[in-house]
Protein backbone atom coordinates (compact mmCIF):
# COMPACT_ATOMS: atom_id res chain seq x y z
CA MET A 1 58.48 109.54 87.15
CA ALA A 2 59.58 107.65 90.27
CA GLN A 3 56.95 105.76 91.97
CA PHE A 4 57.11 106.12 95.87
CA SER A 5 55.81 104.07 98.53
CA VAL A 6 55.67 104.11 102.66
CA SER A 7 55.13 101.20 104.92
CA LEU A 8 52.24 100.00 106.02
CA ALA A 9 54.37 100.29 109.52
CA ASP A 10 54.21 104.08 109.03
CA LEU A 11 50.40 104.01 108.31
CA CYS A 12 49.76 102.08 111.31
CA GLU A 13 51.60 104.86 113.07
CA ASP A 14 50.17 107.55 111.78
CA VAL A 15 46.30 106.65 111.70
CA HIS A 16 46.19 104.01 115.35
CA LEU A 17 45.73 101.09 113.35
CA LYS A 18 45.61 97.74 115.38
CA THR A 19 47.22 94.46 113.97
CA VAL A 20 45.32 91.23 114.18
CA TYR A 21 47.31 89.23 111.76
CA THR A 22 50.56 90.20 109.61
CA PRO A 23 52.20 87.67 107.57
CA ARG A 24 55.70 89.52 108.15
CA PRO A 25 56.43 92.21 109.95
CA LEU A 26 54.83 95.77 108.75
CA GLU A 27 57.95 97.27 108.14
CA GLU A 28 58.72 95.32 104.84
CA ILE A 29 54.84 95.71 103.62
CA LYS A 30 54.58 98.33 101.18
CA ILE A 31 52.05 100.17 99.65
CA TYR A 32 52.09 102.02 96.34
CA SER A 33 48.41 103.44 95.98
CA ALA A 34 47.04 106.74 97.74
CA ASP A 35 43.37 105.67 96.95
CA VAL A 36 41.66 103.47 100.22
CA ASN A 37 38.62 101.48 98.95
CA ARG A 38 35.71 100.38 100.12
CA PRO A 39 34.74 97.06 98.73
CA GLY A 40 31.22 96.90 98.80
CA ILE A 41 30.75 95.76 95.28
CA ILE A 42 33.12 93.24 95.15
CA LEU A 43 31.34 91.40 98.16
CA ALA A 44 28.35 91.90 95.78
CA GLY A 45 29.81 89.74 93.39
CA TYR A 46 31.56 92.09 91.17
CA TYR A 47 35.04 91.60 90.35
CA GLN A 48 35.66 93.60 87.82
CA TYR A 49 37.83 96.59 87.63
CA PHE A 50 38.95 96.18 91.16
CA ASP A 51 42.16 97.58 91.73
CA PRO A 52 44.05 95.34 94.46
CA THR A 53 46.57 98.11 95.20
CA ARG A 54 43.99 99.98 97.22
CA VAL A 55 43.77 99.20 101.39
CA GLN A 56 40.45 97.77 101.71
CA ILE A 57 38.31 99.33 104.64
CA PHE A 58 35.29 97.57 106.11
CA GLY A 59 32.74 99.50 107.88
CA LEU A 60 29.66 98.96 109.28
CA THR A 61 27.85 98.83 106.07
CA GLU A 62 30.16 96.15 104.84
CA MET A 63 30.26 93.85 107.93
CA SER A 64 26.22 94.04 108.29
CA PHE A 65 26.41 92.99 104.55
CA LEU A 66 28.14 90.24 104.97
CA ARG A 67 26.43 89.07 108.38
CA GLU A 68 23.52 88.78 106.59
CA GLN A 69 24.97 86.84 103.43
CA ALA A 70 24.42 83.03 102.88
CA GLU A 71 27.30 81.44 104.47
CA ASP A 72 28.37 79.99 100.95
CA VAL A 73 28.00 83.60 99.37
CA ARG A 74 30.05 84.99 102.00
CA ASP A 75 32.90 82.71 101.80
CA THR A 76 32.76 82.93 98.31
CA HIS A 77 33.18 86.68 98.05
CA LEU A 78 35.40 87.24 101.18
CA GLN A 79 38.17 84.61 99.47
CA ALA A 80 37.98 86.53 96.28
CA LEU A 81 38.78 89.76 97.81
CA PHE A 82 41.78 88.09 99.86
CA ALA A 83 43.02 86.40 96.71
CA PHE A 84 43.26 89.38 95.12
CA ASN A 85 46.30 90.03 97.64
CA PRO A 86 45.56 93.94 98.56
CA PRO A 87 48.35 95.56 101.15
CA ALA A 88 46.07 95.50 103.75
CA VAL A 89 42.39 95.21 104.83
CA VAL A 90 41.03 97.51 108.05
CA VAL A 91 38.03 97.08 109.64
CA THR A 92 36.36 100.01 111.43
CA ARG A 93 34.57 101.15 114.40
CA GLY A 94 36.06 98.56 116.69
CA LEU A 95 34.58 96.02 115.01
CA GLU A 96 35.64 92.48 115.32
CA PRO A 97 36.97 90.83 112.16
CA LEU A 98 34.99 87.28 110.91
CA PRO A 99 36.47 84.29 111.37
CA GLN A 100 36.45 83.75 107.66
CA MET A 101 38.39 87.23 107.41
CA ILE A 102 41.43 85.84 109.54
CA GLN A 103 41.06 82.72 107.79
CA TYR A 104 41.64 83.96 104.55
CA ALA A 105 44.05 86.88 105.78
CA LYS A 106 46.28 84.22 106.64
CA GLN A 107 45.79 81.64 103.75
CA TYR A 108 46.55 84.60 100.92
CA GLU A 109 49.06 86.35 103.68
CA VAL A 110 47.35 89.40 103.88
CA PRO A 111 47.62 91.89 106.94
CA LEU A 112 44.71 92.20 108.79
CA LEU A 113 44.22 95.56 111.09
CA THR A 114 41.46 96.97 113.08
CA SER A 115 40.49 100.70 113.77
CA GLU A 116 38.43 102.84 116.64
CA GLU A 117 37.27 105.33 114.20
CA ILE A 118 34.43 105.19 111.93
CA SER A 119 34.94 104.42 108.26
CA SER A 120 34.38 108.30 106.68
CA THR A 121 36.99 109.73 109.28
CA LEU A 122 39.62 106.79 108.35
CA ASN A 123 39.26 107.08 105.08
CA SER A 124 40.02 110.86 105.23
CA GLU A 125 43.29 110.48 107.34
CA MET A 126 44.59 107.71 105.64
CA VAL A 127 44.09 109.40 101.98
CA ALA A 128 45.80 112.89 103.60
CA PHE A 129 48.88 110.58 105.13
CA LEU A 130 48.80 108.37 101.64
CA ASN A 131 48.55 111.57 98.99
CA THR A 132 51.85 113.53 100.93
CA GLU A 133 53.65 110.10 101.44
CA LEU A 134 53.37 108.60 97.87
CA ALA A 135 53.08 112.28 96.25
CA PRO A 136 55.34 113.28 93.18
CA ARG A 137 58.22 114.94 94.47
CA VAL A 138 61.28 117.18 93.08
CA THR A 139 64.61 118.69 95.09
CA ARG A 140 65.55 122.68 94.87
CA HIS A 141 68.67 123.97 95.87
CA GLY A 142 67.11 126.58 98.17
CA VAL A 143 65.94 127.57 101.41
CA PHE A 144 62.14 127.55 102.35
CA VAL A 145 61.12 129.78 105.46
CA GLU A 146 57.12 130.55 106.86
CA VAL A 147 57.16 133.93 107.29
CA TYR A 148 53.23 135.36 108.70
CA GLY A 149 52.01 131.98 107.95
CA GLU A 150 52.93 132.14 103.85
CA GLY A 151 55.73 129.53 102.84
CA ILE A 152 57.89 131.29 100.73
CA LEU A 153 60.68 129.42 99.12
CA ILE A 154 63.96 131.21 98.56
CA LEU A 155 66.03 130.12 95.35
CA GLY A 156 69.02 132.34 93.54
CA ASP A 157 72.66 131.09 92.87
CA SER A 158 75.00 129.98 95.57
CA GLY A 159 76.66 132.64 97.67
CA VAL A 160 73.49 135.42 97.22
CA GLY A 161 72.60 135.28 100.51
CA LYS A 162 69.32 132.68 100.86
CA SER A 163 70.75 131.48 104.33
CA GLU A 164 71.82 134.62 105.70
CA THR A 165 68.42 136.10 105.08
CA ALA A 166 66.71 132.31 106.63
CA ILE A 167 68.88 133.74 109.97
CA GLU A 168 67.77 136.83 110.14
CA LEU A 169 63.85 136.31 109.35
CA VAL A 170 64.58 133.15 112.16
CA LYS A 171 65.74 136.33 115.00
CA ARG A 172 62.60 138.59 113.83
CA GLY A 173 60.33 135.36 115.08
CA HIS A 174 59.32 133.45 111.64
CA ARG A 175 60.31 129.48 111.39
CA LEU A 176 62.79 127.74 109.27
CA ILE A 177 61.45 124.58 107.00
CA ALA A 178 64.27 123.45 104.91
CA ASP A 179 68.15 125.17 103.39
CA ASP A 180 70.27 124.13 101.20
CA ALA A 181 67.87 121.28 99.88
CA VAL A 182 64.25 121.51 99.63
CA GLU A 183 62.23 118.56 99.11
CA LEU A 184 58.65 119.45 96.80
CA ARG A 185 55.87 117.87 96.80
CA ARG A 186 52.47 117.71 94.97
CA ILE A 187 49.86 116.79 96.82
CA SER A 188 47.16 118.10 94.99
CA SER A 189 46.27 119.54 92.03
CA ARG A 190 47.06 123.07 93.19
CA ASN A 191 49.26 122.46 96.08
CA ILE A 192 53.09 121.86 96.51
CA GLN A 193 54.39 120.86 99.79
CA GLY A 194 57.67 121.77 100.83
CA ARG A 195 60.17 120.05 103.52
CA ALA A 196 63.44 119.38 104.64
CA PRO A 197 65.25 115.83 104.01
CA GLU A 198 64.73 114.19 107.45
CA ASN A 199 68.58 114.10 107.46
CA ILE A 200 69.39 117.73 107.21
CA ARG A 201 66.46 118.82 109.02
CA HIS A 202 66.58 122.27 110.90
CA PHE A 203 70.25 122.30 110.04
CA ILE A 204 71.31 125.68 108.41
CA GLU A 205 74.84 126.56 106.91
CA ILE A 206 76.42 130.52 107.44
CA ARG A 207 79.80 130.68 105.62
CA GLY A 208 81.92 132.00 107.91
CA ILE A 209 80.21 130.42 110.85
CA GLY A 210 79.65 126.80 109.80
CA ILE A 211 77.08 124.60 110.02
CA ILE A 212 74.39 124.84 112.99
CA ASN A 213 71.58 123.70 114.10
CA VAL A 214 68.56 126.35 114.02
CA ALA A 215 66.01 124.16 116.61
CA ARG A 216 69.06 123.89 119.40
CA MET A 217 69.94 127.66 119.19
CA PHE A 218 67.05 129.26 118.97
CA GLY A 219 64.64 127.31 119.86
CA VAL A 220 61.91 124.67 118.53
CA GLY A 221 59.48 127.84 117.83
CA CYS A 222 61.87 128.67 115.08
CA VAL A 223 61.50 125.48 112.96
CA LYS A 224 58.70 123.43 111.35
CA ILE A 225 58.92 120.34 109.63
CA HIS A 226 56.64 121.05 106.07
CA GLU A 227 54.76 124.23 104.50
CA LYS A 228 52.63 124.55 101.44
CA VAL A 229 54.73 126.67 99.18
CA ASP A 230 52.93 130.04 98.75
CA LEU A 231 55.46 132.09 97.21
CA VAL A 232 58.45 131.85 95.31
CA VAL A 233 61.63 134.77 95.90
CA GLU A 234 64.17 134.33 93.43
CA LEU A 235 67.28 136.47 94.67
CA GLU A 236 69.63 137.98 92.31
CA PRO A 237 72.59 140.76 91.98
CA TRP A 238 71.44 143.67 90.95
CA ASP A 239 71.61 144.76 87.69
CA GLU A 240 70.97 147.91 86.28
CA ALA A 241 70.40 146.61 82.67
CA GLN A 242 67.20 144.72 84.66
CA ASN A 243 64.29 146.05 84.10
CA TYR A 244 62.66 145.23 87.51
CA ASP A 245 58.72 145.14 88.48
CA ARG A 246 57.71 148.39 90.17
CA THR A 247 54.04 148.29 90.57
CA GLY A 248 53.24 144.41 91.31
CA LEU A 249 50.47 144.51 88.73
CA GLU A 250 51.35 141.29 86.94
CA THR A 251 52.30 138.06 88.61
CA ALA A 252 55.07 136.07 87.16
CA TYR A 253 55.05 132.09 87.87
CA TYR A 254 57.35 129.18 88.74
CA ASN A 255 56.37 126.00 87.89
CA ILE A 256 56.71 123.29 90.61
CA LEU A 257 55.36 119.85 89.03
CA GLY A 258 53.03 121.11 86.82
CA VAL A 259 51.57 123.82 89.72
CA ASP A 260 51.94 127.35 88.69
CA ILE A 261 53.25 129.44 91.88
CA PRO A 262 53.47 133.09 91.90
CA LYS A 263 56.89 134.29 91.95
CA THR A 264 59.16 137.33 92.28
CA VAL A 265 62.77 138.59 91.71
CA ILE A 266 64.40 140.34 94.31
CA PRO A 267 67.71 142.12 93.35
CA VAL A 268 70.52 142.05 96.07
CA MET A 269 72.68 144.49 96.60
CA PRO A 270 74.47 146.56 99.56
CA GLY A 271 72.12 148.13 101.92
CA ARG A 272 68.92 146.54 101.27
CA ASN A 273 67.45 144.57 104.29
CA LEU A 274 66.46 141.23 102.67
CA ALA A 275 64.89 139.88 105.35
CA VAL A 276 62.38 143.15 105.75
CA ILE A 277 61.65 142.93 101.84
CA LEU A 278 60.44 139.29 102.56
CA GLU A 279 58.19 140.22 105.22
CA THR A 280 56.41 142.45 102.88
CA ALA A 281 56.42 140.15 99.93
CA ALA A 282 55.00 137.72 102.43
CA ILE A 283 51.70 140.15 103.32
CA ASN A 284 51.42 141.77 99.69
CA ASN A 285 51.17 138.07 98.53
CA ARG A 286 48.71 137.18 101.22
CA GLN A 287 46.61 140.50 100.27
CA LYS A 288 47.06 139.36 96.75
CA LYS A 289 45.41 136.26 97.34
CA MET A 290 42.17 138.11 99.29
CA GLY A 291 41.58 140.27 96.55
CA TYR A 292 43.64 143.49 97.00
CA TYR A 293 46.25 145.12 95.13
CA ALA A 294 48.06 148.26 96.42
CA ALA A 295 49.01 149.56 93.12
CA LYS A 296 45.30 149.27 92.08
CA GLU A 297 44.01 151.07 94.18
CA LEU A 298 46.61 153.60 93.82
CA LEU A 299 45.88 153.90 90.12
CA ASP A 300 41.84 154.11 90.76
CA LYS A 301 42.83 157.27 92.78
CA LEU A 302 44.77 158.61 89.81
CA GLY A 303 41.94 157.94 87.69
CA MET A 304 44.31 155.31 85.64
CA VAL A 305 42.44 152.03 86.76
CA ASP A 306 40.89 151.55 82.86
CA ASP A 307 44.60 151.40 81.45
CA ILE A 308 45.20 147.80 83.60
CA SER A 309 43.91 144.59 84.11
CA LEU A 310 44.25 142.08 86.24
């Protein structure tokens, strides 16, 4: 799988870092690791297993420890850290970097930055940003919408009605995230995030009309940048020979980058209001996540609950 990167400039903009020193424009400095590091152990003299690809965070603890060390010991460990050439060193809480830090940052051409945030807060913000920007990703042909807070990825053959259904959902107060190409990122072991490539964001193609900008036509409240994928809906032409699910007791899954997402197949035929069906699917999926199955309740009323398992 391809290795992704994010520029230090984007990270600085997102978490509001200030530059003390940089050897070149921040846009040219790339970060490849989603992990960040508190370098306490290397400041104590243990250099084994140090990961030089991680951004290094110096908080109040690290800065106080450095000030209490003998000058020659402090210089030795700081020089060793900067010699590993990490992508950046960040000093938190608005603390002033030590003169030796500035010296070694210039000597080894390591960006030195500061933040007003406390270390734990900055750590969480940076990891969240880097996990998203460096996440494994794949692009799928489809439409991605948010319906009642549920992210629904609509798949199906070209011309089956995905974009038309999305426009009807937008008219009913829901939000478009992506049309035609949906970029899917695995931001954790259980979550897939969907978004549109930036160059086609908010645009949608309607056959017979052409390209429209949903944000301009219906307002910015009808679009969203990204959303978690909660349900995959496959639209397919009605096939009388196909045995479609009529109870909803059994959950099928669609695998995206190793994460299983609940999936349902909806047959398309004249007279079926797909927008209403997708609204119903979104609410039903939310109820299932909360532990409620309407079919189970019905079978319970009929005295058949022992015949099923969820």
